[in-house]
Amino acid sequence: MNYKLAWTQGFKRGFKKATRNNKPLQEKIFSVLDNLCKNPFDAKLKTHKLHGKLMGLWACHVEYDCRIVFAFEKDPDSENDLIVLIDIGKHDEVY
């Protein structure tokens, strides 16, 4: 099953900040997002549930100190499965 991605404004801002002057990281993020759509629980992504103030959300690894925070939702119009991208950045910035 393939998920559709929905980018929030917060994710767009974090993406711009994280990838400014860093084309290799941008390419790696797109690769991770492609993999996330196909199989969000692929072992390479290290997908895990979050706790505390981020309870109900999930995160996956892009690289050592870059994480993507997201949620699983249903598209109210089409009933498609969505991955809503909430934030991206360094570990201490997104948690």
PDB file of N, CA and C in Angstrom:
ATOM      1  N   MET A   1       0.848  -1.185   0.000  1.00  0.00           N
ATOM      2  CA  MET A   1       0.000   0.000   0.000  1.00  0.00           C
ATOM      3  C   MET A   1       0.888   1.241   0.000  1.00  0.00           C
ATOM      4  N   ASN A   2       0.565   2.185  -0.835  1.00  0.00           N
ATOM      5  CA  ASN A   2       1.303   3.447  -0.877  1.00  0.00           C
ATOM      6  C   ASN A   2       0.522   4.529  -0.147  1.00  0.00           C
ATOM      7  N   TYR A   3       1.214   5.255   0.689  1.00  0.00           N
ATOM      8  CA  TYR A   3       0.629   6.395   1.387  1.00  0.00           C
ATOM      9  C   TYR A   3       0.854   7.646   0.551  1.00  0.00           C
ATOM     10  N   LYS A   4      -0.022   8.601   0.699  1.00  0.00           N
ATOM     11  CA  LYS A   4       0.163   9.928   0.113  1.00  0.00           C
ATOM     12  C   LYS A   4       0.782  10.811   1.188  1.00  0.00           C
ATOM     13  N   LEU A   5       1.582  11.786   0.765  1.00  0.00           N
ATOM     14  CA  LEU A   5       2.202  12.709   1.708  1.00  0.00           C
ATOM     15  C   LEU A   5       1.466  14.034   1.719  1.00  0.00           C
ATOM     16  N   ALA A   6       1.329  14.613   2.895  1.00  0.00           N
ATOM     17  CA  ALA A   6       0.777  15.958   3.049  1.00  0.00           C
ATOM     18  C   ALA A   6       1.802  16.776   3.834  1.00  0.00           C
ATOM     19  N   TRP A   7       2.298  17.845   3.224  1.00  0.00           N
ATOM     20  CA  TRP A   7       3.308  18.697   3.854  1.00  0.00           C
ATOM     21  C   TRP A   7       2.619  19.827   4.614  1.00  0.00           C
ATOM     22  N   THR A   8       2.875  19.946   5.916  1.00  0.00           N
ATOM     23  CA  THR A   8       2.354  21.075   6.686  1.00  0.00           C
ATOM     24  C   THR A   8       3.293  22.265   6.494  1.00  0.00           C
ATOM     25  N   GLN A   9       2.821  23.453   6.869  1.00  0.00           N
ATOM     26  CA  GLN A   9       3.665  24.647   6.788  1.00  0.00           C
ATOM     27  C   GLN A   9       4.904  24.494   7.662  1.00  0.00           C
ATOM     28  N   GLY A  10       4.733  23.905   8.839  1.00  0.00           N
ATOM     29  CA  GLY A  10       5.873  23.699   9.739  1.00  0.00           C
ATOM     30  C   GLY A  10       6.927  22.798   9.115  1.00  0.00           C
ATOM     31  N   PHE A  11       6.479  21.760   8.409  1.00  0.00           N
ATOM     32  CA  PHE A  11       7.424  20.872   7.750  1.00  0.00           C
ATOM     33  C   PHE A  11       8.140  21.608   6.624  1.00  0.00           C
ATOM     34  N   LYS A  12       7.398  22.390   5.854  1.00  0.00           N
ATOM     35  CA  LYS A  12       8.017  23.146   4.750  1.00  0.00           C
ATOM     36  C   LYS A  12       9.098  24.088   5.272  1.00  0.00           C
ATOM     37  N   ARG A  13       8.814  24.786   6.387  1.00  0.00           N
ATOM     38  CA  ARG A  13       9.803  25.687   6.976  1.00  0.00           C
ATOM     39  C   ARG A  13      11.027  24.909   7.447  1.00  0.00           C
ATOM     40  N   GLY A  14      10.788  23.786   8.138  1.00  0.00           N
ATOM     41  CA  GLY A  14      11.899  22.969   8.627  1.00  0.00           C
ATOM     42  C   GLY A  14      12.724  22.396   7.493  1.00  0.00           C
ATOM     43  N   PHE A  15      12.056  22.015   6.413  1.00  0.00           N
ATOM     44  CA  PHE A  15      12.749  21.461   5.250  1.00  0.00           C
ATOM     45  C   PHE A  15      13.675  22.503   4.638  1.00  0.00           C
ATOM     46  N   LYS A  16      13.150  23.724   4.457  1.00  0.00           N
ATOM     47  CA  LYS A  16      13.981  24.804   3.894  1.00  0.00           C
ATOM     48  C   LYS A  16      15.186  25.083   4.779  1.00  0.00           C
ATOM     49  N   LYS A  17      14.948  25.137   6.094  1.00  0.00           N
ATOM     50  CA  LYS A  17      16.033  25.425   7.039  1.00  0.00           C
ATOM     51  C   LYS A  17      17.077  24.305   7.020  1.00  0.00           C
ATOM     52  N   ALA A  18      16.616  23.060   7.029  1.00  0.00           N
ATOM     53  CA  ALA A  18      17.530  21.920   7.101  1.00  0.00           C
ATOM     54  C   ALA A  18      18.345  21.742   5.828  1.00  0.00           C
ATOM     55  N   THR A  19      17.759  22.103   4.684  1.00  0.00           N
ATOM     56  CA  THR A  19      18.425  21.813   3.410  1.00  0.00           C
ATOM     57  C   THR A  19      19.100  23.031   2.783  1.00  0.00           C
ATOM     58  N   ARG A  20      19.026  24.162   3.444  1.00  0.00           N
ATOM     59  CA  ARG A  20      19.678  25.365   2.905  1.00  0.00           C
ATOM     60  C   ARG A  20      21.161  25.071   2.699  1.00  0.00           C
ATOM     61  N   ASN A  21      21.632  25.249   1.477  1.00  0.00           N
ATOM     62  CA  ASN A  21      23.038  25.000   1.118  1.00  0.00           C
ATOM     63  C   ASN A  21      23.472  23.558   1.377  1.00  0.00           C
ATOM     64  N   ASN A  22      22.533  22.608   1.334  1.00  0.00           N
ATOM     65  CA  ASN A  22      22.895  21.208   1.576  1.00  0.00           C
ATOM     66  C   ASN A  22      22.123  20.302   0.619  1.00  0.00           C
ATOM     67  N   LYS A  23      22.530  20.288  -0.639  1.00  0.00           N
ATOM     68  CA  LYS A  23      21.871  19.487  -1.672  1.00  0.00           C
ATOM     69  C   LYS A  23      21.900  17.988  -1.355  1.00  0.00           C
ATOM     70  N   PRO A  24      23.011  17.433  -0.848  1.00  0.00           N
ATOM     71  CA  PRO A  24      23.013  15.994  -0.528  1.00  0.00           C
ATOM     72  C   PRO A  24      21.952  15.619   0.513  1.00  0.00           C
ATOM     73  N   LEU A  25      21.755  16.478   1.531  1.00  0.00           N
ATOM     74  CA  LEU A  25      20.728  16.191   2.542  1.00  0.00           C
ATOM     75  C   LEU A  25      19.344  16.262   1.908  1.00  0.00           C
ATOM     76  N   GLN A  26      19.124  17.231   1.028  1.00  0.00           N
ATOM     77  CA  GLN A  26      17.827  17.350   0.349  1.00  0.00           C
ATOM     78  C   GLN A  26      17.521  16.074  -0.429  1.00  0.00           C
ATOM     79  N   GLU A  27      18.505  15.564  -1.153  1.00  0.00           N
ATOM     80  CA  GLU A  27      18.301  14.329  -1.914  1.00  0.00           C
ATOM     81  C   GLU A  27      18.027  13.148  -1.000  1.00  0.00           C
ATOM     82  N   LYS A  28      18.728  13.101   0.142  1.00  0.00           N
ATOM     83  CA  LYS A  28      18.514  12.009   1.095  1.00  0.00           C
ATOM     84  C   LYS A  28      17.100  12.082   1.683  1.00  0.00           C
ATOM     85  N   ILE A  29      16.623  13.292   1.973  1.00  0.00           N
ATOM     86  CA  ILE A  29      15.274  13.466   2.522  1.00  0.00           C
ATOM     87  C   ILE A  29      14.233  12.971   1.510  1.00  0.00           C
ATOM     88  N   PHE A  30      14.400  13.340   0.240  1.00  0.00           N
ATOM     89  CA  PHE A  30      13.442  12.881  -0.772  1.00  0.00           C
ATOM     90  C   PHE A  30      13.461  11.357  -0.888  1.00  0.00           C
ATOM     91  N   SER A  31      14.628  10.757  -0.762  1.00  0.00           N
ATOM     92  CA  SER A  31      14.739   9.294  -0.795  1.00  0.00           C
ATOM     93  C   SER A  31      14.005   8.673   0.394  1.00  0.00           C
ATOM     94  N   VAL A  32      14.184   9.261   1.587  1.00  0.00           N
ATOM     95  CA  VAL A  32      13.504   8.762   2.794  1.00  0.00           C
ATOM     96  C   VAL A  32      11.991   8.935   2.646  1.00  0.00           C
ATOM     97  N   LEU A  33      11.534  10.070   2.113  1.00  0.00           N
ATOM     98  CA  LEU A  33      10.100  10.296   1.939  1.00  0.00           C
ATOM     99  C   LEU A  33       9.502   9.293   0.958  1.00  0.00           C
ATOM    100  N   ASP A  34      10.245   8.973  -0.091  1.00  0.00           N
ATOM    101  CA  ASP A  34       9.795   7.975  -1.056  1.00  0.00           C
ATOM    102  C   ASP A  34       9.649   6.616  -0.372  1.00  0.00           C
ATOM    103  N   ASN A  35      10.638   6.267   0.431  1.00  0.00           N
ATOM    104  CA  ASN A  35      10.606   5.002   1.170  1.00  0.00           C
ATOM    105  C   ASN A  35       9.465   5.005   2.196  1.00  0.00           C
ATOM    106  N   LEU A  36       9.252   6.146   2.845  1.00  0.00           N
ATOM    107  CA  LEU A  36       8.195   6.285   3.852  1.00  0.00           C
ATOM    108  C   LEU A  36       6.823   6.034   3.231  1.00  0.00           C
ATOM    109  N   CYS A  37       6.614   6.509   2.005  1.00  0.00           N
ATOM    110  CA  CYS A  37       5.340   6.297   1.301  1.00  0.00           C
ATOM    111  C   CYS A  37       5.101   4.814   1.020  1.00  0.00           C
ATOM    112  N   LYS A  38       6.163   4.125   0.652  1.00  0.00           N
ATOM    113  CA  LYS A  38       6.048   2.713   0.267  1.00  0.00           C
ATOM    114  C   LYS A  38       5.942   1.789   1.467  1.00  0.00           C
ATOM    115  N   ASN A  39       6.760   2.033   2.487  1.00  0.00           N
ATOM    116  CA  ASN A  39       6.782   1.172   3.665  1.00  0.00           C
ATOM    117  C   ASN A  39       7.252   1.973   4.876  1.00  0.00           C
ATOM    118  N   PRO A  40       6.324   2.592   5.608  1.00  0.00           N
ATOM    119  CA  PRO A  40       6.725   3.447   6.726  1.00  0.00           C
ATOM    120  C   PRO A  40       7.439   2.702   7.852  1.00  0.00           C
ATOM    121  N   PHE A  41       7.360   1.381   7.840  1.00  0.00           N
ATOM    122  CA  PHE A  41       8.012   0.623   8.915  1.00  0.00           C
ATOM    123  C   PHE A  41       9.241  -0.135   8.431  1.00  0.00           C
ATOM    124  N   ASP A  42       9.810   0.301   7.303  1.00  0.00           N
ATOM    125  CA  ASP A  42      11.068  -0.262   6.819  1.00  0.00           C
ATOM    126  C   ASP A  42      12.118  -0.066   7.917  1.00  0.00           C
ATOM    127  N   ALA A  43      12.886  -1.102   8.204  1.00  0.00           N
ATOM    128  CA  ALA A  43      13.873  -1.048   9.289  1.00  0.00           C
ATOM    129  C   ALA A  43      14.887   0.083   9.095  1.00  0.00           C
ATOM    130  N   LYS A  44      15.194   0.429   7.847  1.00  0.00           N
ATOM    131  CA  LYS A  44      16.172   1.493   7.580  1.00  0.00           C
ATOM    132  C   LYS A  44      15.701   2.842   8.113  1.00  0.00           C
ATOM    133  N   LEU A  45      14.395   3.036   8.203  1.00  0.00           N
ATOM    134  CA  LEU A  45      13.840   4.315   8.651  1.00  0.00           C
ATOM    135  C   LEU A  45      13.843   4.463  10.168  1.00  0.00           C
ATOM    136  N   LYS A  46      13.936   3.349  10.878  1.00  0.00           N
ATOM    137  CA  LYS A  46      13.889   3.358  12.351  1.00  0.00           C
ATOM    138  C   LYS A  46      12.647   4.105  12.857  1.00  0.00           C
ATOM    139  N   THR A  47      11.503   3.835  12.236  1.00  0.00           N
ATOM    140  CA  THR A  47      10.246   4.484  12.605  1.00  0.00           C
ATOM    141  C   THR A  47       9.867   4.100  14.036  1.00  0.00           C
ATOM    142  N   HIS A  48       9.469   5.101  14.815  1.00  0.00           N
ATOM    143  CA  HIS A  48       9.082   4.836  16.205  1.00  0.00           C
ATOM    144  C   HIS A  48       8.015   5.827  16.659  1.00  0.00           C
ATOM    145  N   LYS A  49       7.194   5.349  17.616  1.00  0.00           N
ATOM    146  CA  LYS A  49       6.164   6.195  18.222  1.00  0.00           C
ATOM    147  C   LYS A  49       6.826   7.200  19.147  1.00  0.00           C
ATOM    148  N   LEU A  50       6.200   8.363  19.249  1.00  0.00           N
ATOM    149  CA  LEU A  50       6.701   9.380  20.168  1.00  0.00           C
ATOM    150  C   LEU A  50       5.826   9.419  21.415  1.00  0.00           C
ATOM    151  N   HIS A  51       6.387   9.946  22.479  1.00  0.00           N
ATOM    152  CA  HIS A  51       5.695   9.977  23.776  1.00  0.00           C
ATOM    153  C   HIS A  51       5.675  11.403  24.309  1.00  0.00           C
ATOM    154  N   GLY A  52       5.063  11.562  25.463  1.00  0.00           N
ATOM    155  CA  GLY A  52       5.011  12.876  26.106  1.00  0.00           C
ATOM    156  C   GLY A  52       4.164  13.852  25.312  1.00  0.00           C
ATOM    157  N   LYS A  53       4.686  15.078  25.123  1.00  0.00           N
ATOM    158  CA  LYS A  53       3.906  16.117  24.432  1.00  0.00           C
ATOM    159  C   LYS A  53       3.680  15.791  22.966  1.00  0.00           C
ATOM    160  N   LEU A  54       4.439  14.843  22.412  1.00  0.00           N
ATOM    161  CA  LEU A  54       4.267  14.442  21.009  1.00  0.00           C
ATOM    162  C   LEU A  54       3.546  13.101  20.873  1.00  0.00           C
ATOM    163  N   MET A  55       2.859  12.679  21.930  1.00  0.00           N
ATOM    164  CA  MET A  55       2.143  11.401  21.897  1.00  0.00           C
ATOM    165  C   MET A  55       1.166  11.380  20.720  1.00  0.00           C
ATOM    166  N   GLY A  56       1.099  10.262  20.039  1.00  0.00           N
ATOM    167  CA  GLY A  56       0.225  10.119  18.879  1.00  0.00           C
ATOM    168  C   GLY A  56       0.949  10.373  17.570  1.00  0.00           C
ATOM    169  N   LEU A  57       2.160  10.907  17.659  1.00  0.00           N
ATOM    170  CA  LEU A  57       2.959  11.168  16.462  1.00  0.00           C
ATOM    171  C   LEU A  57       4.043  10.101  16.320  1.00  0.00           C
ATOM    172  N   TRP A  58       4.653  10.075  15.159  1.00  0.00           N
ATOM    173  CA  TRP A  58       5.717   9.127  14.842  1.00  0.00           C
ATOM    174  C   TRP A  58       6.930   9.888  14.343  1.00  0.00           C
ATOM    175  N   ALA A  59       8.082   9.229  14.361  1.00  0.00           N
ATOM    176  CA  ALA A  59       9.295   9.838  13.815  1.00  0.00           C
ATOM    177  C   ALA A  59      10.098   8.777  13.083  1.00  0.00           C
ATOM    178  N   CYS A  60      10.897   9.246  12.129  1.00  0.00           N
ATOM    179  CA  CYS A  60      11.838   8.357  11.447  1.00  0.00           C
ATOM    180  C   CYS A  60      13.148   9.101  11.240  1.00  0.00           C
ATOM    181  N   HIS A  61      14.199   8.332  11.012  1.00  0.00           N
ATOM    182  CA  HIS A  61      15.542   8.884  10.828  1.00  0.00           C
ATOM    183  C   HIS A  61      15.791   9.201   9.360  1.00  0.00           C
ATOM    184  N   VAL A  62      16.440  10.328   9.110  1.00  0.00           N
ATOM    185  CA  VAL A  62      16.976  10.626   7.786  1.00  0.00           C
ATOM    186  C   VAL A  62      18.468  10.300   7.829  1.00  0.00           C
ATOM    187  N   GLU A  63      19.132  10.852   8.830  1.00  0.00           N
ATOM    188  CA  GLU A  63      20.538  10.532   9.092  1.00  0.00           C
ATOM    189  C   GLU A  63      20.769  10.744  10.576  1.00  0.00           C
ATOM    190  N   TYR A  64      22.012  10.646  11.006  1.00  0.00           N
ATOM    191  CA  TYR A  64      22.325  10.645  12.436  1.00  0.00           C
ATOM    192  C   TYR A  64      21.571  11.707  13.229  1.00  0.00           C
ATOM    193  N   ASP A  65      21.612  12.955  12.798  1.00  0.00           N
ATOM    194  CA  ASP A  65      20.949  14.003  13.574  1.00  0.00           C
ATOM    195  C   ASP A  65      19.888  14.741  12.755  1.00  0.00           C
ATOM    196  N   CYS A  66      19.098  13.983  12.022  1.00  0.00           N
ATOM    197  CA  CYS A  66      17.988  14.583  11.268  1.00  0.00           C
ATOM    198  C   CYS A  66      16.792  13.644  11.357  1.00  0.00           C
ATOM    199  N   ARG A  67      15.680  14.169  11.864  1.00  0.00           N
ATOM    200  CA  ARG A  67      14.468  13.372  12.052  1.00  0.00           C
ATOM    201  C   ARG A  67      13.288  14.008  11.326  1.00  0.00           C
ATOM    202  N   ILE A  68      12.352  13.156  10.932  1.00  0.00           N
ATOM    203  CA  ILE A  68      11.074  13.603  10.376  1.00  0.00           C
ATOM    204  C   ILE A  68       9.989  13.181  11.354  1.00  0.00           C
ATOM    205  N   VAL A  69       9.146  14.136  11.759  1.00  0.00           N
ATOM    206  CA  VAL A  69       8.018  13.854  12.649  1.00  0.00           C
ATOM    207  C   VAL A  69       6.765  13.864  11.778  1.00  0.00           C
ATOM    208  N   PHE A  70       5.920  12.834  11.951  1.00  0.00           N
ATOM    209  CA  PHE A  70       4.739  12.717  11.096  1.00  0.00           C
ATOM    210  C   PHE A  70       3.597  12.035  11.835  1.00  0.00           C
ATOM    211  N   ALA A  71       2.422  12.042  11.198  1.00  0.00           N
ATOM    212  CA  ALA A  71       1.237  11.380  11.742  1.00  0.00           C
ATOM    213  C   ALA A  71       0.570  10.579  10.626  1.00  0.00           C
ATOM    214  N   PHE A  72      -0.061   9.485  11.012  1.00  0.00           N
ATOM    215  CA  PHE A  72      -0.877   8.708  10.077  1.00  0.00           C
ATOM    216  C   PHE A  72      -2.301   9.225  10.167  1.00  0.00           C
ATOM    217  N   GLU A  73      -2.901   9.562   9.033  1.00  0.00           N
ATOM    218  CA  GLU A  73      -4.283  10.045   9.007  1.00  0.00           C
ATOM    219  C   GLU A  73      -4.989   9.512   7.774  1.00  0.00           C
ATOM    220  N   LYS A  74      -6.309   9.692   7.746  1.00  0.00           N
ATOM    221  CA  LYS A  74      -7.124   9.369   6.561  1.00  0.00           C
ATOM    222  C   LYS A  74      -7.518  10.677   5.899  1.00  0.00           C
ATOM    223  N   ASP A  75      -7.419  10.723   4.575  1.00  0.00           N
ATOM    224  CA  ASP A  75      -7.885  11.884   3.832  1.00  0.00           C
ATOM    225  C   ASP A  75      -9.407  11.893   3.923  1.00  0.00           C
ATOM    226  N   PRO A  76     -10.008  12.968   4.481  1.00  0.00           N
ATOM    227  CA  PRO A  76     -11.462  12.988   4.659  1.00  0.00           C
ATOM    228  C   PRO A  76     -12.236  12.949   3.344  1.00  0.00           C
ATOM    229  N   ASP A  77     -11.623  13.422   2.262  1.00  0.00           N
ATOM    230  CA  ASP A  77     -12.315  13.450   0.970  1.00  0.00           C
ATOM    231  C   ASP A  77     -12.224  12.128   0.236  1.00  0.00           C
ATOM    232  N   SER A  78     -11.028  11.566   0.172  1.00  0.00           N
ATOM    233  CA  SER A  78     -10.829  10.368  -0.651  1.00  0.00           C
ATOM    234  C   SER A  78     -10.708   9.079   0.151  1.00  0.00           C
ATOM    235  N   GLU A  79     -10.595   9.198   1.480  1.00  0.00           N
ATOM    236  CA  GLU A  79     -10.381   8.029   2.347  1.00  0.00           C
ATOM    237  C   GLU A  79      -9.021   7.357   2.104  1.00  0.00           C
ATOM    238  N   ASN A  80      -8.119   8.023   1.356  1.00  0.00           N
ATOM    239  CA  ASN A  80      -6.770   7.496   1.174  1.00  0.00           C
ATOM    240  C   ASN A  80      -5.991   7.618   2.469  1.00  0.00           C
ATOM    241  N   ASP A  81      -5.029   6.721   2.647  1.00  0.00           N
ATOM    242  CA  ASP A  81      -4.149   6.807   3.803  1.00  0.00           C
ATOM    243  C   ASP A  81      -3.126   7.906   3.561  1.00  0.00           C
ATOM    244  N   LEU A  82      -2.978   8.779   4.553  1.00  0.00           N
ATOM    245  CA  LEU A  82      -2.055   9.906   4.451  1.00  0.00           C
ATOM    246  C   LEU A  82      -0.963   9.800   5.497  1.00  0.00           C
ATOM    247  N   ILE A  83       0.216  10.288   5.131  1.00  0.00           N
ATOM    248  CA  ILE A  83       1.258  10.573   6.112  1.00  0.00           C
ATOM    249  C   ILE A  83       1.384  12.088   6.116  1.00  0.00           C
ATOM    250  N   VAL A  84       1.030  12.687   7.249  1.00  0.00           N
ATOM    251  CA  VAL A  84       1.085  14.137   7.387  1.00  0.00           C
ATOM    252  C   VAL A  84       2.442  14.493   7.985  1.00  0.00           C
ATOM    253  N   LEU A  85       3.258  15.177   7.187  1.00  0.00           N
ATOM    254  CA  LEU A  85       4.609  15.556   7.603  1.00  0.00           C
ATOM    255  C   LEU A  85       4.509  16.805   8.472  1.00  0.00           C
ATOM    256  N   ILE A  86       4.943  16.683   9.718  1.00  0.00           N
ATOM    257  CA  ILE A  86       4.744  17.757  10.688  1.00  0.00           C
ATOM    258  C   ILE A  86       5.990  18.601  10.904  1.00  0.00           C
ATOM    259  N   ASP A  87       7.140  17.960  11.027  1.00  0.00           N
ATOM    260  CA  ASP A  87       8.363  18.707  11.285  1.00  0.00           C
ATOM    261  C   ASP A  87       9.562  17.899  10.815  1.00  0.00           C
ATOM    262  N   ILE A  88      10.659  18.595  10.591  1.00  0.00           N
ATOM    263  CA  ILE A  88      11.929  17.961  10.244  1.00  0.00           C
ATOM    264  C   ILE A  88      13.028  18.817  10.825  1.00  0.00           C
ATOM    265  N   GLY A  89      14.076  18.165  11.279  1.00  0.00           N
ATOM    266  CA  GLY A  89      15.218  18.914  11.815  1.00  0.00           C
ATOM    267  C   GLY A  89      16.059  18.048  12.713  1.00  0.00           C
ATOM    268  N   LYS A  90      16.953  18.709  13.421  1.00  0.00           N
ATOM    269  CA  LYS A  90      17.825  18.006  14.358  1.00  0.00           C
ATOM    270  C   LYS A  90      17.006  17.448  15.509  1.00  0.00           C
ATOM    271  N   HIS A  91      17.521  16.409  16.123  1.00  0.00           N
ATOM    272  CA  HIS A  91      16.827  15.718  17.215  1.00  0.00           C
ATOM    273  C   HIS A  91      16.291  16.707  18.247  1.00  0.00           C
ATOM    274  N   ASP A  92      17.142  17.601  18.740  1.00  0.00           N
ATOM    275  CA  ASP A  92      16.733  18.517  19.814  1.00  0.00           C
ATOM    276  C   ASP A  92      15.754  19.590  19.339  1.00  0.00           C
ATOM    277  N   GLU A  93      15.680  19.834  18.033  1.00  0.00           N
ATOM    278  CA  GLU A  93      14.748  20.840  17.507  1.00  0.00           C
ATOM    279  C   GLU A  93      13.323  20.286  17.384  1.00  0.00           C
ATOM    280  N   VAL A  94      13.198  19.016  17.033  1.00  0.00           N
ATOM    281  CA  VAL A  94      11.861  18.491  16.744  1.00  0.00           C
ATOM    282  C   VAL A  94      11.207  17.770  17.925  1.00  0.00           C
ATOM    283  N   TYR A  95      12.003  17.387  18.930  1.00  0.00           N
ATOM    284  CA  TYR A  95      11.412  16.660  20.063  1.00  0.00           C
ATOM    285  C   TYR A  95      11.139  17.558  21.234  1.00  0.00           C
TER     286      TYR A  95
END
